[in-house]
PDB file of N, CA and C in Angstrom:
ATOM      1  N   MET A   1      82.573 115.726  71.060  1.00  0.00           N
ATOM      2  CA  MET A   1      82.048 114.943  72.098  1.00  0.00           C
ATOM      3  C   MET A   1      82.020 113.431  71.683  1.00  0.00           C
ATOM      4  N   PRO A   2      82.533 113.653  73.096  1.00  0.00           N
ATOM      5  CA  PRO A   2      82.889 112.243  72.735  1.00  0.00           C
ATOM      6  C   PRO A   2      82.101 110.932  72.348  1.00  0.00           C
ATOM      7  N   SER A   3      82.692 109.983  71.749  1.00  0.00           N
ATOM      8  CA  SER A   3      82.538 108.770  71.182  1.00  0.00           C
ATOM      9  C   SER A   3      81.196 107.540  71.934  1.00  0.00           C
ATOM     10  N   ALA A   4      80.077 106.943  71.743  1.00  0.00           N
ATOM     11  CA  ALA A   4      79.637 106.180  72.715  1.00  0.00           C
ATOM     12  C   ALA A   4      80.158 105.095  72.611  1.00  0.00           C
ATOM     13  N   GLU A   5      81.111 104.929  72.180  1.00  0.00           N
ATOM     14  CA  GLU A   5      81.980 103.937  72.840  1.00  0.00           C
ATOM     15  C   GLU A   5      82.858 104.054  74.246  1.00  0.00           C
ATOM     16  N   PHE A   6      83.394 105.051  73.957  1.00  0.00           N
ATOM     17  CA  PHE A   6      84.086 105.972  74.642  1.00  0.00           C
ATOM     18  C   PHE A   6      83.041 106.393  76.541  1.00  0.00           C
ATOM     19  N   VAL A   7      82.113 106.743  76.898  1.00  0.00           N
ATOM     20  CA  VAL A   7      81.645 107.374  77.236  1.00  0.00           C
ATOM     21  C   VAL A   7      81.174 105.857  78.262  1.00  0.00           C
ATOM     22  N   GLU A   8      80.811 105.030  77.624  1.00  0.00           N
ATOM     23  CA  GLU A   8      80.607 103.585  77.934  1.00  0.00           C
ATOM     24  C   GLU A   8      81.901 103.003  78.710  1.00  0.00           C
ATOM     25  N   ALA A   9      82.497 103.352  77.828  1.00  0.00           N
ATOM     26  CA  ALA A   9      84.231 102.462  78.583  1.00  0.00           C
ATOM     27  C   ALA A   9      84.384 102.932  80.017  1.00  0.00           C
ATOM     28  N   VAL A  10      84.064 104.446  80.095  1.00  0.00           N
ATOM     29  CA  VAL A  10      84.642 105.284  81.161  1.00  0.00           C
ATOM     30  C   VAL A  10      83.438 105.295  81.720  1.00  0.00           C
ATOM     31  N   LEU A  11      82.152 105.268  82.022  1.00  0.00           N
ATOM     32  CA  LEU A  11      81.235 104.820  82.800  1.00  0.00           C
ATOM     33  C   LEU A  11      80.893 103.572  83.358  1.00  0.00           C
ATOM     34  N   ASP A  12      81.558 102.098  82.816  1.00  0.00           N
ATOM     35  CA  ASP A  12      81.580 101.043  83.292  1.00  0.00           C
ATOM     36  C   ASP A  12      82.672 100.791  83.871  1.00  0.00           C
ATOM     37  N   VAL A  13      84.006 102.074  83.542  1.00  0.00           N
ATOM     38  CA  VAL A  13      85.248 101.342  84.836  1.00  0.00           C
ATOM     39  C   VAL A  13      84.712 102.431  85.885  1.00  0.00           C
ATOM     40  N   VAL A  14      84.158 103.659  85.928  1.00  0.00           N
ATOM     41  CA  VAL A  14      83.986 104.461  87.549  1.00  0.00           C
ATOM     42  C   VAL A  14      82.615 103.465  87.932  1.00  0.00           C
ATOM     43  N   VAL A  15      81.513 102.990  87.508  1.00  0.00           N
ATOM     44  CA  VAL A  15      80.761 102.531  88.576  1.00  0.00           C
ATOM     45  C   VAL A  15      81.355 101.044  89.372  1.00  0.00           C
ATOM     46  N   ARG A  16      82.092 100.809  88.745  1.00  0.00           N
ATOM     47  CA  ARG A  16      83.117  99.545  89.334  1.00  0.00           C
ATOM     48  C   ARG A  16      84.658  99.489  90.715  1.00  0.00           C
ATOM     49  N   ILE A  17      84.908 101.571  90.639  1.00  0.00           N
ATOM     50  CA  ILE A  17      85.116 101.219  91.916  1.00  0.00           C
ATOM     51  C   ILE A  17      84.602 101.306  92.901  1.00  0.00           C
ATOM     52  N   PRO A  18      85.135 100.635  93.423  1.00  0.00           N
ATOM     53  CA  PRO A  18      84.409 100.101  94.905  1.00  0.00           C
ATOM     54  C   PRO A  18      84.417 101.695  95.660  1.00  0.00           C
ATOM     55  N   PRO A  19      84.051 101.654  96.824  1.00  0.00           N
ATOM     56  CA  PRO A  19      83.056 102.771  97.748  1.00  0.00           C
ATOM     57  C   PRO A  19      84.230 102.666  98.641  1.00  0.00           C
ATOM     58  N   GLY A  20      84.140 104.535  98.986  1.00  0.00           N
ATOM     59  CA  GLY A  20      85.455 104.129 100.273  1.00  0.00           C
ATOM     60  C   GLY A  20      87.307 103.723  99.595  1.00  0.00           C
ATOM     61  N   ARG A  21      86.958 103.949  97.734  1.00  0.00           N
ATOM     62  CA  ARG A  21      88.026 104.331  97.062  1.00  0.00           C
ATOM     63  C   ARG A  21      87.904 105.418  96.231  1.00  0.00           C
ATOM     64  N   VAL A  22      89.243 105.840  95.089  1.00  0.00           N
ATOM     65  CA  VAL A  22      89.333 106.771  94.004  1.00  0.00           C
ATOM     66  C   VAL A  22      89.909 106.367  92.961  1.00  0.00           C
ATOM     67  N   MET A  23      89.767 106.590  91.687  1.00  0.00           N
ATOM     68  CA  MET A  23      90.569 106.332  90.695  1.00  0.00           C
ATOM     69  C   MET A  23      90.851 108.250  90.140  1.00  0.00           C
ATOM     70  N   THR A  24      91.606 108.192  89.578  1.00  0.00           N
ATOM     71  CA  THR A  24      92.268 109.616  89.296  1.00  0.00           C
ATOM     72  C   THR A  24      91.720 109.658  87.575  1.00  0.00           C
ATOM     73  N   TYR A  25      91.223 111.014  87.079  1.00  0.00           N
ATOM     74  CA  TYR A  25      90.936 110.905  85.783  1.00  0.00           C
ATOM     75  C   TYR A  25      91.893 110.051  84.496  1.00  0.00           C
ATOM     76  N   GLY A  26      92.634 110.513  85.622  1.00  0.00           N
ATOM     77  CA  GLY A  26      94.122 109.544  84.141  1.00  0.00           C
ATOM     78  C   GLY A  26      94.141 108.233  84.219  1.00  0.00           C
ATOM     79  N   ASP A  27      94.107 107.934  85.520  1.00  0.00           N
ATOM     80  CA  ASP A  27      94.454 105.775  85.939  1.00  0.00           C
ATOM     81  C   ASP A  27      92.361 105.561  85.016  1.00  0.00           C
ATOM     82  N   VAL A  28      91.729 106.219  85.099  1.00  0.00           N
ATOM     83  CA  VAL A  28      90.541 105.599  84.117  1.00  0.00           C
ATOM     84  C   VAL A  28      90.861 105.529  82.366  1.00  0.00           C
ATOM     85  N   GLY A  29      91.048 106.583  82.496  1.00  0.00           N
ATOM     86  CA  GLY A  29      92.287 106.831  81.596  1.00  0.00           C
ATOM     87  C   GLY A  29      92.827 105.543  80.816  1.00  0.00           C
ATOM     88  N   ILE A  30      93.583 104.824  81.602  1.00  0.00           N
ATOM     89  CA  ILE A  30      94.751 104.666  81.657  1.00  0.00           C
ATOM     90  C   ILE A  30      93.403 102.947  81.750  1.00  0.00           C
ATOM     91  N   ALA A  31      92.929 103.154  82.526  1.00  0.00           N
ATOM     92  CA  ALA A  31      91.671 101.433  82.651  1.00  0.00           C
ATOM     93  C   ALA A  31      91.322 101.244  80.784  1.00  0.00           C
ATOM     94  N   ILE A  32      90.970 101.842  80.836  1.00  0.00           N
ATOM     95  CA  ILE A  32      90.559 102.191  79.188  1.00  0.00           C
ATOM     96  C   ILE A  32      91.348 102.230  77.985  1.00  0.00           C
ATOM     97  N   GLY A  33      92.707 101.794  77.625  1.00  0.00           N
ATOM     98  CA  GLY A  33      93.190 102.388  76.959  1.00  0.00           C
ATOM     99  C   GLY A  33      93.511 104.329  76.083  1.00  0.00           C
ATOM    100  N   SER A  34      93.068 105.011  76.724  1.00  0.00           N
ATOM    101  CA  SER A  34      93.381 106.389  76.957  1.00  0.00           C
ATOM    102  C   SER A  34      94.504 107.305  77.396  1.00  0.00           C
ATOM    103  N   SER A  35      95.108 107.862  76.700  1.00  0.00           N
ATOM    104  CA  SER A  35      95.632 109.358  77.808  1.00  0.00           C
ATOM    105  C   SER A  35      94.999 110.411  77.717  1.00  0.00           C
ATOM    106  N   ALA A  36      93.611 110.644  77.884  1.00  0.00           N
ATOM    107  CA  ALA A  36      93.325 111.370  77.461  1.00  0.00           C
ATOM    108  C   ALA A  36      92.434 112.018  78.737  1.00  0.00           C
ATOM    109  N   PRO A  37      93.343 112.528  80.382  1.00  0.00           N
ATOM    110  CA  PRO A  37      92.010 112.584  81.346  1.00  0.00           C
ATOM    111  C   PRO A  37      90.840 113.076  81.137  1.00  0.00           C
ATOM    112  N   ARG A  38      91.614 114.581  80.699  1.00  0.00           N
ATOM    113  CA  ARG A  38      90.338 115.461  79.815  1.00  0.00           C
ATOM    114  C   ARG A  38      88.973 115.570  79.658  1.00  0.00           C
ATOM    115  N   ALA A  39      89.424 114.023  78.699  1.00  0.00           N
ATOM    116  CA  ALA A  39      87.789 113.190  78.296  1.00  0.00           C
ATOM    117  C   ALA A  39      86.952 112.550  79.029  1.00  0.00           C
ATOM    118  N   VAL A  40      87.808 112.094  79.781  1.00  0.00           N
ATOM    119  CA  VAL A  40      87.819 111.645  81.230  1.00  0.00           C
ATOM    120  C   VAL A  40      86.347 112.530  82.184  1.00  0.00           C
ATOM    121  N   GLY A  41      86.730 114.353  82.432  1.00  0.00           N
ATOM    122  CA  GLY A  41      86.680 114.313  83.135  1.00  0.00           C
ATOM    123  C   GLY A  41      85.148 114.810  82.739  1.00  0.00           C
ATOM    124  N   ARG A  42      84.752 115.229  81.434  1.00  0.00           N
ATOM    125  CA  ARG A  42      83.861 115.684  80.201  1.00  0.00           C
ATOM    126  C   ARG A  42      82.900 114.843  80.091  1.00  0.00           C
ATOM    127  N   VAL A  43      82.918 113.104  80.044  1.00  0.00           N
ATOM    128  CA  VAL A  43      82.350 112.378  80.067  1.00  0.00           C
ATOM    129  C   VAL A  43      81.365 112.618  81.457  1.00  0.00           C
ATOM    130  N   LEU A  44      81.871 112.127  82.023  1.00  0.00           N
ATOM    131  CA  LEU A  44      81.505 112.524  83.878  1.00  0.00           C
ATOM    132  C   LEU A  44      80.912 113.678  84.087  1.00  0.00           C
ATOM    133  N   ALA A  45      80.855 114.891  83.150  1.00  0.00           N
ATOM    134  CA  ALA A  45      80.299 115.917  83.558  1.00  0.00           C
ATOM    135  C   ALA A  45      78.951 116.368  82.539  1.00  0.00           C
ATOM    136  N   LEU A  46      78.582 115.423  81.046  1.00  0.00           N
ATOM    137  CA  LEU A  46      78.086 115.362  80.064  1.00  0.00           C
ATOM    138  C   LEU A  46      77.099 113.863  80.942  1.00  0.00           C
ATOM    139  N   TYR A  47      77.904 112.688  81.592  1.00  0.00           N
ATOM    140  CA  TYR A  47      76.658 111.216  81.194  1.00  0.00           C
ATOM    141  C   TYR A  47      77.241 110.937  83.026  1.00  0.00           C
ATOM    142  N   GLY A  48      77.820 112.085  83.728  1.00  0.00           N
ATOM    143  CA  GLY A  48      77.564 111.023  84.962  1.00  0.00           C
ATOM    144  C   GLY A  48      77.123 110.877  86.389  1.00  0.00           C
ATOM    145  N   HIS A  49      75.976 111.820  85.507  1.00  0.00           N
ATOM    146  CA  HIS A  49      75.324 112.269  86.837  1.00  0.00           C
ATOM    147  C   HIS A  49      74.604 111.386  87.667  1.00  0.00           C
ATOM    148  N   ALA A  50      74.363 110.063  86.955  1.00  0.00           N
ATOM    149  CA  ALA A  50      73.533 108.411  88.162  1.00  0.00           C
ATOM    150  C   ALA A  50      74.881 107.996  88.593  1.00  0.00           C
ATOM    151  N   SER A  51      76.355 107.886  87.781  1.00  0.00           N
ATOM    152  CA  SER A  51      77.348 107.425  88.721  1.00  0.00           C
ATOM    153  C   SER A  51      77.980 107.927  89.420  1.00  0.00           C
ATOM    154  N   PRO A  52      78.511 106.742  90.327  1.00  0.00           N
ATOM    155  CA  PRO A  52      79.745 107.180  91.157  1.00  0.00           C
ATOM    156  C   PRO A  52      80.551 108.524  91.036  1.00  0.00           C
ATOM    157  N   TRP A  53      79.960 109.487  90.405  1.00  0.00           N
ATOM    158  CA  TRP A  53      80.956 110.410  89.946  1.00  0.00           C
ATOM    159  C   TRP A  53      81.685 110.812  91.020  1.00  0.00           C
ATOM    160  N   TRP A  54      81.615 111.044  92.047  1.00  0.00           N
ATOM    161  CA  TRP A  54      82.952 111.372  93.215  1.00  0.00           C
ATOM    162  C   TRP A  54      84.451 110.159  93.850  1.00  0.00           C
ATOM    163  N   ARG A  55      83.904 108.770  92.852  1.00  0.00           N
ATOM    164  CA  ARG A  55      85.088 108.177  93.577  1.00  0.00           C
ATOM    165  C   ARG A  55      86.141 109.306  92.385  1.00  0.00           C
ATOM    166  N   VAL A  56      85.947 109.492  91.273  1.00  0.00           N
ATOM    167  CA  VAL A  56      86.867 109.938  90.730  1.00  0.00           C
ATOM    168  C   VAL A  56      87.757 111.494  90.434  1.00  0.00           C
ATOM    169  N   VAL A  57      88.698 111.629  91.043  1.00  0.00           N
ATOM    170  CA  VAL A  57      89.396 113.008  91.413  1.00  0.00           C
ATOM    171  C   VAL A  57      90.913 113.303  90.296  1.00  0.00           C
ATOM    172  N   PRO A  58      91.231 114.325  90.313  1.00  0.00           N
ATOM    173  CA  PRO A  58      92.279 114.715  90.395  1.00  0.00           C
ATOM    174  C   PRO A  58      92.944 114.285  90.254  1.00  0.00           C
ATOM    175  N   ALA A  59      94.500 114.559  90.137  1.00  0.00           N
ATOM    176  CA  ALA A  59      96.083 114.152  89.952  1.00  0.00           C
ATOM    177  C   ALA A  59      96.231 114.289  91.672  1.00  0.00           C
ATOM    178  N   SER A  60      95.524 115.588  92.047  1.00  0.00           N
ATOM    179  CA  SER A  60      95.707 115.883  93.290  1.00  0.00           C
ATOM    180  C   SER A  60      95.241 115.812  94.173  1.00  0.00           C
ATOM    181  N   GLY A  61      94.264 114.958  93.985  1.00  0.00           N
ATOM    182  CA  GLY A  61      93.510 113.505  94.872  1.00  0.00           C
ATOM    183  C   GLY A  61      92.859 114.358  95.858  1.00  0.00           C
ATOM    184  N   LYS A  62      92.509 115.815  95.509  1.00  0.00           N
ATOM    185  CA  LYS A  62      91.199 116.729  96.697  1.00  0.00           C
ATOM    186  C   LYS A  62      89.820 116.266  95.106  1.00  0.00           C
ATOM    187  N   PRO A  63      88.925 116.205  95.948  1.00  0.00           N
ATOM    188  CA  PRO A  63      87.459 116.571  95.016  1.00  0.00           C
ATOM    189  C   PRO A  63      87.443 116.672  93.680  1.00  0.00           C
ATOM    190  N   PRO A  64      87.029 116.770  93.596  1.00  0.00           N
ATOM    191  CA  PRO A  64      86.418 117.293  91.208  1.00  0.00           C
ATOM    192  C   PRO A  64      86.156 118.873  91.974  1.00  0.00           C
ATOM    193  N   GLN A  65      86.858 119.261  90.988  1.00  0.00           N
ATOM    194  CA  GLN A  65      86.531 120.991  90.907  1.00  0.00           C
ATOM    195  C   GLN A  65      85.339 121.559  91.023  1.00  0.00           C
ATOM    196  N   GLY A  66      84.922 122.146  91.979  1.00  0.00           N
ATOM    197  CA  GLY A  66      83.500 122.412  92.476  1.00  0.00           C
ATOM    198  C   GLY A  66      82.862 121.859  92.772  1.00  0.00           C
ATOM    199  N   HIS A  67      83.100 120.350  93.124  1.00  0.00           N
ATOM    200  CA  HIS A  67      81.720 119.112  93.888  1.00  0.00           C
ATOM    201  C   HIS A  67      82.433 119.178  95.082  1.00  0.00           C
ATOM    202  N   ALA A  68      83.965 120.000  96.183  1.00  0.00           N
ATOM    203  CA  ALA A  68      83.875 118.825  96.890  1.00  0.00           C
ATOM    204  C   ALA A  68      82.586 119.343  98.255  1.00  0.00           C
ATOM    205  N   ALA A  69      81.682 119.838  98.336  1.00  0.00           N
ATOM    206  CA  ALA A  69      80.268 120.142  99.034  1.00  0.00           C
ATOM    207  C   ALA A  69      79.678 118.589  98.975  1.00  0.00           C
ATOM    208  N   LEU A  70      79.188 118.427  97.176  1.00  0.00           N
ATOM    209  CA  LEU A  70      78.789 117.423  96.436  1.00  0.00           C
ATOM    210  C   LEU A  70      79.395 115.789  96.966  1.00  0.00           C
ATOM    211  N   ALA A  71      80.403 116.473  96.873  1.00  0.00           N
ATOM    212  CA  ALA A  71      81.752 114.957  97.329  1.00  0.00           C
ATOM    213  C   ALA A  71      81.500 114.511  98.500  1.00  0.00           C
ATOM    214  N   LEU A  72      81.775 115.068  99.291  1.00  0.00           N
ATOM    215  CA  LEU A  72      82.003 115.434 100.332  1.00  0.00           C
ATOM    216  C   LEU A  72      81.039 114.162 101.678  1.00  0.00           C
ATOM    217  N   PRO A  73      79.614 113.992 101.244  1.00  0.00           N
ATOM    218  CA  PRO A  73      79.051 113.787 101.768  1.00  0.00           C
ATOM    219  C   PRO A  73      79.420 111.666 101.143  1.00  0.00           C
ATOM    220  N   HIS A  74      79.319 111.723  99.902  1.00  0.00           N
ATOM    221  CA  HIS A  74      79.598 110.746  99.737  1.00  0.00           C
ATOM    222  C   HIS A  74      80.388 110.135 100.135  1.00  0.00           C
ATOM    223  N   TYR A  75      81.905 110.705  99.983  1.00  0.00           N
ATOM    224  CA  TYR A  75      83.285 110.323 101.147  1.00  0.00           C
ATOM    225  C   TYR A  75      83.434 110.330 102.043  1.00  0.00           C
ATOM    226  N   LEU A  76      82.265 110.829 103.420  1.00  0.00           N
ATOM    227  CA  LEU A  76      82.132 110.219 104.855  1.00  0.00           C
ATOM    228  C   LEU A  76      81.195 108.587 104.722  1.00  0.00           C
ATOM    229  N   ASP A  77      80.241 109.100 104.078  1.00  0.00           N
ATOM    230  CA  ASP A  77      79.222 108.092 103.861  1.00  0.00           C
ATOM    231  C   ASP A  77      79.911 106.611 103.714  1.00  0.00           C
ATOM    232  N   GLU A  78      80.971 106.831 103.046  1.00  0.00           N
ATOM    233  CA  GLU A  78      81.484 105.318 101.837  1.00  0.00           C
ATOM    234  C   GLU A  78      82.898 104.845 102.882  1.00  0.00           C
ATOM    235  N   GLY A  79      83.851 106.039 103.888  1.00  0.00           N
ATOM    236  CA  GLY A  79      84.559 106.215 104.502  1.00  0.00           C
ATOM    237  C   GLY A  79      85.518 106.077 103.864  1.00  0.00           C
ATOM    238  N   THR A  80      85.782 107.073 102.612  1.00  0.00           N
ATOM    239  CA  THR A  80      87.099 107.854 101.858  1.00  0.00           C
ATOM    240  C   THR A  80      87.933 108.602 102.302  1.00  0.00           C
ATOM    241  N   PRO A  81      89.372 108.232 102.439  1.00  0.00           N
ATOM    242  CA  PRO A  81      90.257 108.603 103.511  1.00  0.00           C
ATOM    243  C   PRO A  81      90.352 109.900 102.791  1.00  0.00           C
ATOM    244  N   ILE A  82      90.002 111.104 103.375  1.00  0.00           N
ATOM    245  CA  ILE A  82      89.834 112.560 103.048  1.00  0.00           C
ATOM    246  C   ILE A  82      92.038 112.671 103.079  1.00  0.00           C
ATOM    247  N   ARG A  83      91.928 113.593 102.259  1.00  0.00           N
ATOM    248  CA  ARG A  83      93.308 114.465 103.071  1.00  0.00           C
ATOM    249  C   ARG A  83      93.532 115.399 102.784  1.00  0.00           C
ATOM    250  N   PRO A  84      93.357 115.983 103.896  1.00  0.00           N
ATOM    251  CA  PRO A  84      93.806 117.480 105.028  1.00  0.00           C
ATOM    252  C   PRO A  84      94.012 118.524 104.074  1.00  0.00           C
ATOM    253  N   THR A  85      92.992 119.871 104.302  1.00  0.00           N
ATOM    254  CA  THR A  85      93.619 121.066 103.211  1.00  0.00           C
ATOM    255  C   THR A  85      93.750 122.001 104.095  1.00  0.00           C
ATOM    256  N   GLY A  86      94.010 123.209 103.520  1.00  0.00           N
ATOM    257  CA  GLY A  86      94.844 124.194 104.806  1.00  0.00           C
ATOM    258  C   GLY A  86      95.769 124.736 103.879  1.00  0.00           C
TER     259      GLY A  86
END
């Protein structure tokens, strides 16, 4: 279980990502001085429901795994560039 300080640091970075922009899990980790992108993902899975979680993506640039349908309306609303799939 991530520490309260780690959770707070991750969520603080996530809420500051501007609409229409994204950061990778690794980038969020680097921003808080951590090299643990999976821990960042864990924080968002457990505590990120009230944050703009869709602005944090894997290094592939694709939407968070299993959440593309939930993220797409946010990307369209915010004008986030979308990488073509297929």
